[in-house]
N, C-alpha and C. Protein backbone atom coordinates (compact mmCIF):
# COMPACT_ATOMS: atom_id res chain seq x y z
N UNK A 1 -54.39 8.84 -23.20
CA UNK A 1 -54.69 10.08 -22.52
C UNK A 1 -53.76 10.22 -21.32
N UNK A 2 -53.34 11.44 -21.06
CA UNK A 2 -52.47 11.68 -19.93
C UNK A 2 -53.29 11.92 -18.66
N UNK A 3 -52.82 11.33 -17.57
CA UNK A 3 -53.44 11.50 -16.26
C UNK A 3 -52.36 11.91 -15.26
N UNK A 4 -52.70 12.87 -14.41
CA UNK A 4 -51.83 13.26 -13.32
C UNK A 4 -52.33 12.55 -12.07
N UNK A 5 -51.47 11.74 -11.47
CA UNK A 5 -51.79 11.03 -10.23
C UNK A 5 -51.09 11.78 -9.11
N UNK A 6 -51.86 12.50 -8.30
CA UNK A 6 -51.32 13.32 -7.23
C UNK A 6 -51.38 12.57 -5.92
N UNK A 7 -50.28 12.55 -5.21
CA UNK A 7 -50.12 11.74 -4.01
C UNK A 7 -50.29 12.64 -2.79
N UNK A 8 -51.34 12.39 -2.03
CA UNK A 8 -51.64 13.19 -0.84
C UNK A 8 -51.56 12.33 0.42
N UNK A 9 -50.98 12.90 1.47
CA UNK A 9 -51.02 12.26 2.79
C UNK A 9 -50.64 13.29 3.83
N UNK A 10 -50.96 12.99 5.07
CA UNK A 10 -50.48 13.81 6.17
C UNK A 10 -48.99 13.53 6.31
N UNK A 11 -48.20 14.56 6.56
CA UNK A 11 -46.76 14.37 6.60
C UNK A 11 -46.32 13.45 7.74
N UNK A 12 -47.15 13.32 8.76
CA UNK A 12 -46.79 12.43 9.87
C UNK A 12 -47.41 11.04 9.73
N UNK A 13 -48.08 10.78 8.59
CA UNK A 13 -48.67 9.46 8.35
C UNK A 13 -47.67 8.59 7.59
N UNK A 14 -47.76 7.31 7.80
CA UNK A 14 -46.89 6.39 7.08
C UNK A 14 -45.47 6.38 7.60
N UNK A 15 -44.62 5.63 6.92
CA UNK A 15 -43.22 5.52 7.35
C UNK A 15 -42.52 6.88 7.34
N UNK A 16 -41.69 7.11 8.33
CA UNK A 16 -41.00 8.39 8.49
C UNK A 16 -39.53 8.27 8.06
N UNK A 17 -38.99 9.34 7.45
CA UNK A 17 -37.58 9.32 7.04
C UNK A 17 -36.67 8.89 8.18
N UNK A 18 -35.63 8.14 7.81
CA UNK A 18 -34.66 7.67 8.80
C UNK A 18 -34.99 6.31 9.39
N UNK A 19 -36.16 5.74 9.01
CA UNK A 19 -36.55 4.43 9.53
C UNK A 19 -36.39 3.36 8.44
N UNK A 20 -36.29 2.11 8.88
CA UNK A 20 -36.22 1.00 7.94
C UNK A 20 -37.49 0.92 7.09
N UNK A 21 -38.62 1.22 7.71
CA UNK A 21 -39.89 1.18 6.99
C UNK A 21 -39.92 2.21 5.86
N UNK A 22 -39.32 3.37 6.11
CA UNK A 22 -39.27 4.41 5.07
C UNK A 22 -38.42 3.93 3.89
N UNK A 23 -37.28 3.33 4.19
CA UNK A 23 -36.42 2.84 3.13
C UNK A 23 -37.12 1.72 2.33
N UNK A 24 -37.90 0.90 3.00
CA UNK A 24 -38.67 -0.14 2.31
C UNK A 24 -39.70 0.52 1.38
N UNK A 25 -40.36 1.56 1.85
CA UNK A 25 -41.34 2.26 1.03
C UNK A 25 -40.66 2.89 -0.20
N UNK A 26 -39.49 3.46 -0.02
CA UNK A 26 -38.75 4.04 -1.14
C UNK A 26 -38.47 2.96 -2.18
N UNK A 27 -38.12 1.78 -1.73
CA UNK A 27 -37.91 0.65 -2.64
C UNK A 27 -39.18 0.30 -3.39
N UNK A 28 -40.32 0.35 -2.71
CA UNK A 28 -41.60 0.07 -3.36
C UNK A 28 -41.91 1.13 -4.41
N UNK A 29 -41.58 2.39 -4.11
CA UNK A 29 -41.76 3.46 -5.10
C UNK A 29 -40.87 3.23 -6.31
N UNK A 30 -39.63 2.80 -6.09
CA UNK A 30 -38.72 2.53 -7.20
C UNK A 30 -39.27 1.42 -8.08
N UNK A 31 -39.81 0.38 -7.47
CA UNK A 31 -40.41 -0.73 -8.23
C UNK A 31 -41.61 -0.24 -9.03
N UNK A 32 -42.45 0.59 -8.41
CA UNK A 32 -43.61 1.12 -9.11
C UNK A 32 -43.18 1.97 -10.31
N UNK A 33 -42.20 2.83 -10.10
CA UNK A 33 -41.70 3.67 -11.19
C UNK A 33 -41.16 2.81 -12.33
N UNK A 34 -40.38 1.79 -11.98
CA UNK A 34 -39.84 0.88 -13.00
C UNK A 34 -40.96 0.18 -13.75
N UNK A 35 -42.02 -0.22 -13.04
CA UNK A 35 -43.14 -0.90 -13.70
C UNK A 35 -43.80 0.03 -14.72
N UNK A 36 -44.05 1.28 -14.32
CA UNK A 36 -44.70 2.21 -15.26
C UNK A 36 -43.79 2.52 -16.44
N UNK A 37 -42.48 2.57 -16.21
CA UNK A 37 -41.54 2.78 -17.31
C UNK A 37 -41.54 1.58 -18.25
N UNK A 38 -41.48 0.38 -17.68
CA UNK A 38 -41.49 -0.84 -18.49
C UNK A 38 -42.80 -1.01 -19.25
N UNK A 39 -43.90 -0.55 -18.66
CA UNK A 39 -45.22 -0.64 -19.31
C UNK A 39 -45.40 0.44 -20.38
N UNK A 40 -44.47 1.39 -20.44
CA UNK A 40 -44.53 2.44 -21.45
C UNK A 40 -45.54 3.54 -21.17
N UNK A 41 -45.95 3.69 -19.90
CA UNK A 41 -46.94 4.73 -19.56
C UNK A 41 -46.32 5.90 -18.80
N UNK A 42 -45.10 5.75 -18.33
CA UNK A 42 -44.45 6.78 -17.52
C UNK A 42 -44.06 7.98 -18.38
N UNK A 43 -44.51 9.16 -17.98
CA UNK A 43 -44.08 10.40 -18.61
C UNK A 43 -43.17 11.16 -17.66
N UNK A 44 -43.55 11.18 -16.37
CA UNK A 44 -42.74 11.87 -15.38
C UNK A 44 -43.30 11.65 -14.00
N UNK A 45 -42.53 12.07 -13.01
CA UNK A 45 -42.98 11.97 -11.64
C UNK A 45 -41.87 12.38 -10.70
N UNK A 46 -42.24 12.98 -9.60
CA UNK A 46 -41.27 13.43 -8.61
C UNK A 46 -41.91 13.48 -7.24
N UNK A 47 -41.08 13.37 -6.23
CA UNK A 47 -41.50 13.63 -4.85
C UNK A 47 -41.31 15.13 -4.60
N UNK A 48 -42.13 15.68 -3.74
CA UNK A 48 -42.02 17.09 -3.38
C UNK A 48 -41.46 17.22 -1.98
N UNK A 49 -40.77 18.32 -1.74
CA UNK A 49 -40.24 18.61 -0.42
C UNK A 49 -41.40 18.91 0.54
N UNK A 50 -41.12 19.02 1.80
CA UNK A 50 -42.11 19.25 2.84
C UNK A 50 -42.94 20.50 2.57
N UNK A 51 -44.18 20.52 3.06
CA UNK A 51 -45.02 21.70 2.90
C UNK A 51 -44.44 22.91 3.64
N UNK A 52 -43.53 22.67 4.57
CA UNK A 52 -42.90 23.80 5.26
C UNK A 52 -42.01 24.61 4.32
N UNK A 53 -41.66 24.07 3.17
CA UNK A 53 -40.82 24.78 2.20
C UNK A 53 -41.65 25.49 1.14
N UNK A 54 -42.97 25.38 1.20
CA UNK A 54 -43.84 25.95 0.18
C UNK A 54 -43.90 27.47 0.26
N UNK A 55 -44.08 28.08 -0.89
CA UNK A 55 -44.34 29.51 -1.01
C UNK A 55 -45.54 29.66 -1.92
N UNK A 56 -46.50 30.47 -1.53
CA UNK A 56 -47.70 30.69 -2.32
C UNK A 56 -47.71 32.12 -2.85
N UNK A 57 -48.01 32.25 -4.13
CA UNK A 57 -48.07 33.56 -4.78
C UNK A 57 -49.47 33.76 -5.33
N UNK A 58 -50.02 34.95 -5.09
CA UNK A 58 -51.27 35.33 -5.75
C UNK A 58 -51.15 36.79 -6.15
N UNK A 59 -51.86 37.15 -7.20
CA UNK A 59 -51.85 38.53 -7.69
C UNK A 59 -53.28 39.04 -7.64
N UNK A 60 -53.48 40.14 -6.94
CA UNK A 60 -54.78 40.78 -6.83
C UNK A 60 -54.63 42.25 -7.18
N UNK A 61 -55.42 42.69 -8.14
CA UNK A 61 -55.36 44.09 -8.58
C UNK A 61 -53.95 44.52 -8.93
N UNK A 62 -53.20 43.61 -9.55
CA UNK A 62 -51.84 43.92 -9.98
C UNK A 62 -50.79 43.83 -8.89
N UNK A 63 -51.18 43.50 -7.68
CA UNK A 63 -50.24 43.41 -6.56
C UNK A 63 -49.97 41.95 -6.20
N UNK A 64 -48.70 41.61 -6.08
CA UNK A 64 -48.32 40.26 -5.66
C UNK A 64 -48.46 40.12 -4.15
N UNK A 65 -49.00 38.99 -3.75
CA UNK A 65 -49.04 38.64 -2.33
C UNK A 65 -48.30 37.33 -2.18
N UNK A 66 -47.26 37.33 -1.38
CA UNK A 66 -46.41 36.16 -1.17
C UNK A 66 -46.64 35.66 0.25
N UNK A 67 -46.90 34.37 0.38
CA UNK A 67 -47.13 33.75 1.69
C UNK A 67 -46.23 32.54 1.82
N UNK A 68 -45.58 32.40 2.97
CA UNK A 68 -44.83 31.18 3.25
C UNK A 68 -45.83 30.09 3.58
N UNK A 69 -45.60 28.92 3.00
CA UNK A 69 -46.46 27.78 3.27
C UNK A 69 -47.45 27.52 2.17
N UNK A 70 -48.21 26.44 2.30
CA UNK A 70 -49.19 26.07 1.28
C UNK A 70 -50.37 27.05 1.27
N UNK A 71 -51.14 27.02 0.18
CA UNK A 71 -52.25 27.97 0.06
C UNK A 71 -53.43 27.60 0.94
N UNK A 72 -53.51 26.36 1.39
CA UNK A 72 -54.66 25.94 2.20
C UNK A 72 -54.17 25.20 3.44
N UNK A 73 -54.87 25.39 4.52
CA UNK A 73 -54.59 24.63 5.74
C UNK A 73 -55.28 23.28 5.59
N UNK A 74 -54.51 22.23 5.64
CA UNK A 74 -55.07 20.90 5.45
C UNK A 74 -54.20 19.88 6.17
N UNK A 75 -54.78 18.76 6.53
CA UNK A 75 -54.01 17.70 7.15
C UNK A 75 -53.22 16.91 6.12
N UNK A 76 -53.82 16.74 4.94
CA UNK A 76 -53.14 16.01 3.87
C UNK A 76 -52.59 17.00 2.87
N UNK A 77 -51.34 16.80 2.47
CA UNK A 77 -50.69 17.71 1.54
C UNK A 77 -50.17 16.93 0.34
N UNK A 78 -50.01 17.63 -0.76
CA UNK A 78 -49.45 17.04 -1.97
C UNK A 78 -47.99 16.72 -1.71
N UNK A 79 -47.64 15.44 -1.85
CA UNK A 79 -46.28 15.02 -1.57
C UNK A 79 -45.50 14.59 -2.79
N UNK A 80 -46.20 14.44 -3.92
CA UNK A 80 -45.54 14.02 -5.14
C UNK A 80 -46.57 13.71 -6.20
N UNK A 81 -46.09 13.30 -7.36
CA UNK A 81 -47.01 13.04 -8.46
C UNK A 81 -46.38 12.08 -9.48
N UNK A 82 -47.23 11.49 -10.27
CA UNK A 82 -46.85 10.75 -11.47
C UNK A 82 -47.68 11.29 -12.61
N UNK A 83 -47.07 11.46 -13.75
CA UNK A 83 -47.78 11.79 -14.98
C UNK A 83 -47.68 10.57 -15.87
N UNK A 84 -48.83 9.95 -16.13
CA UNK A 84 -48.87 8.70 -16.89
C UNK A 84 -49.72 8.86 -18.14
N UNK A 85 -49.37 8.12 -19.17
CA UNK A 85 -50.14 8.08 -20.41
C UNK A 85 -50.91 6.76 -20.42
N UNK A 86 -52.17 6.80 -19.98
CA UNK A 86 -52.99 5.60 -19.83
C UNK A 86 -54.04 5.53 -20.93
N UNK A 87 -54.49 4.35 -21.20
CA UNK A 87 -55.52 4.17 -22.23
C UNK A 87 -56.86 4.73 -21.80
N UNK A 88 -57.13 4.70 -20.49
CA UNK A 88 -58.40 5.21 -19.98
C UNK A 88 -58.32 5.37 -18.46
N UNK A 89 -59.39 5.89 -17.88
CA UNK A 89 -59.43 6.12 -16.44
C UNK A 89 -59.25 4.83 -15.66
N UNK A 90 -59.81 3.73 -16.13
CA UNK A 90 -59.68 2.47 -15.42
C UNK A 90 -58.21 2.06 -15.27
N UNK A 91 -57.42 2.27 -16.32
CA UNK A 91 -56.00 1.94 -16.23
C UNK A 91 -55.30 2.89 -15.25
N UNK A 92 -55.65 4.16 -15.28
CA UNK A 92 -55.07 5.12 -14.33
C UNK A 92 -55.40 4.73 -12.90
N UNK A 93 -56.63 4.30 -12.66
CA UNK A 93 -57.04 3.86 -11.32
C UNK A 93 -56.23 2.65 -10.88
N UNK A 94 -56.01 1.72 -11.79
CA UNK A 94 -55.25 0.51 -11.47
C UNK A 94 -53.82 0.88 -11.06
N UNK A 95 -53.21 1.82 -11.76
CA UNK A 95 -51.86 2.27 -11.37
C UNK A 95 -51.91 3.02 -10.04
N UNK A 96 -52.88 3.90 -9.85
CA UNK A 96 -52.99 4.68 -8.62
C UNK A 96 -53.06 3.77 -7.40
N UNK A 97 -53.76 2.67 -7.52
CA UNK A 97 -53.91 1.73 -6.41
C UNK A 97 -52.59 1.07 -6.04
N UNK A 98 -51.62 1.09 -6.94
CA UNK A 98 -50.31 0.47 -6.69
C UNK A 98 -49.30 1.44 -6.07
N UNK A 99 -49.64 2.71 -6.01
CA UNK A 99 -48.73 3.69 -5.41
C UNK A 99 -48.68 3.44 -3.90
N UNK A 100 -47.49 3.26 -3.32
CA UNK A 100 -47.40 2.88 -1.91
C UNK A 100 -48.18 3.78 -0.95
N UNK A 101 -48.24 5.07 -1.18
CA UNK A 101 -48.93 5.97 -0.26
C UNK A 101 -50.44 5.76 -0.26
N UNK A 102 -50.98 5.08 -1.25
CA UNK A 102 -52.42 4.81 -1.28
C UNK A 102 -52.86 4.02 -0.03
N UNK A 103 -51.92 3.33 0.61
CA UNK A 103 -52.24 2.53 1.79
C UNK A 103 -52.55 3.38 3.02
N UNK A 104 -52.10 4.63 3.05
CA UNK A 104 -52.37 5.49 4.22
C UNK A 104 -52.73 6.92 3.84
N UNK A 105 -52.70 7.23 2.55
CA UNK A 105 -53.06 8.56 2.07
C UNK A 105 -54.11 8.45 0.99
N UNK A 106 -54.03 9.34 0.01
CA UNK A 106 -54.98 9.33 -1.10
C UNK A 106 -54.25 9.66 -2.38
N UNK A 107 -54.75 9.12 -3.47
CA UNK A 107 -54.22 9.43 -4.79
C UNK A 107 -55.35 10.07 -5.58
N UNK A 108 -55.16 11.32 -5.98
CA UNK A 108 -56.15 12.01 -6.80
C UNK A 108 -55.72 11.89 -8.25
N UNK A 109 -56.65 11.50 -9.10
CA UNK A 109 -56.39 11.32 -10.53
C UNK A 109 -57.10 12.43 -11.29
N UNK A 110 -56.36 13.13 -12.13
CA UNK A 110 -56.96 14.18 -12.95
C UNK A 110 -56.48 14.02 -14.39
N UNK A 111 -57.42 13.99 -15.34
CA UNK A 111 -56.98 13.96 -16.74
C UNK A 111 -56.36 15.31 -17.11
N UNK A 112 -55.34 15.25 -17.95
CA UNK A 112 -54.69 16.46 -18.43
C UNK A 112 -55.49 16.95 -19.64
N UNK A 113 -55.83 18.23 -19.64
CA UNK A 113 -56.59 18.80 -20.76
C UNK A 113 -55.74 18.83 -22.02
N UNK A 114 -56.36 18.51 -23.12
CA UNK A 114 -55.70 18.55 -24.41
C UNK A 114 -56.32 19.68 -25.21
N UNK A 115 -55.53 20.66 -25.58
CA UNK A 115 -56.05 21.82 -26.29
C UNK A 115 -55.84 21.74 -27.81
N UNK A 116 -55.46 20.57 -28.31
CA UNK A 116 -55.28 20.42 -29.76
C UNK A 116 -56.59 20.35 -30.49
């Protein structure tokens, strides 16, 4: 079953770009990605740019409303994701716990709906 592991944290939490700690964390992410690839569960995953680059679109009564920024005011924002093919939720949880941001943020796990 496919699971989306969404990585949430406050943008000012954890190691910050330009620091040695940030580069160490990037290395930990690379190791995690390699592990999921070697385990045969990796489908995809990417980091997202800052929430300051977000654009939100909604359509009401046929009219588009465009807003700069995320759709919700929150301290923690979606910073990236992994899409994994796990045998069950327990396996997805085990992988989520290995994502470096889990140490200072949160990882939300959602099963992907199958319409077959």
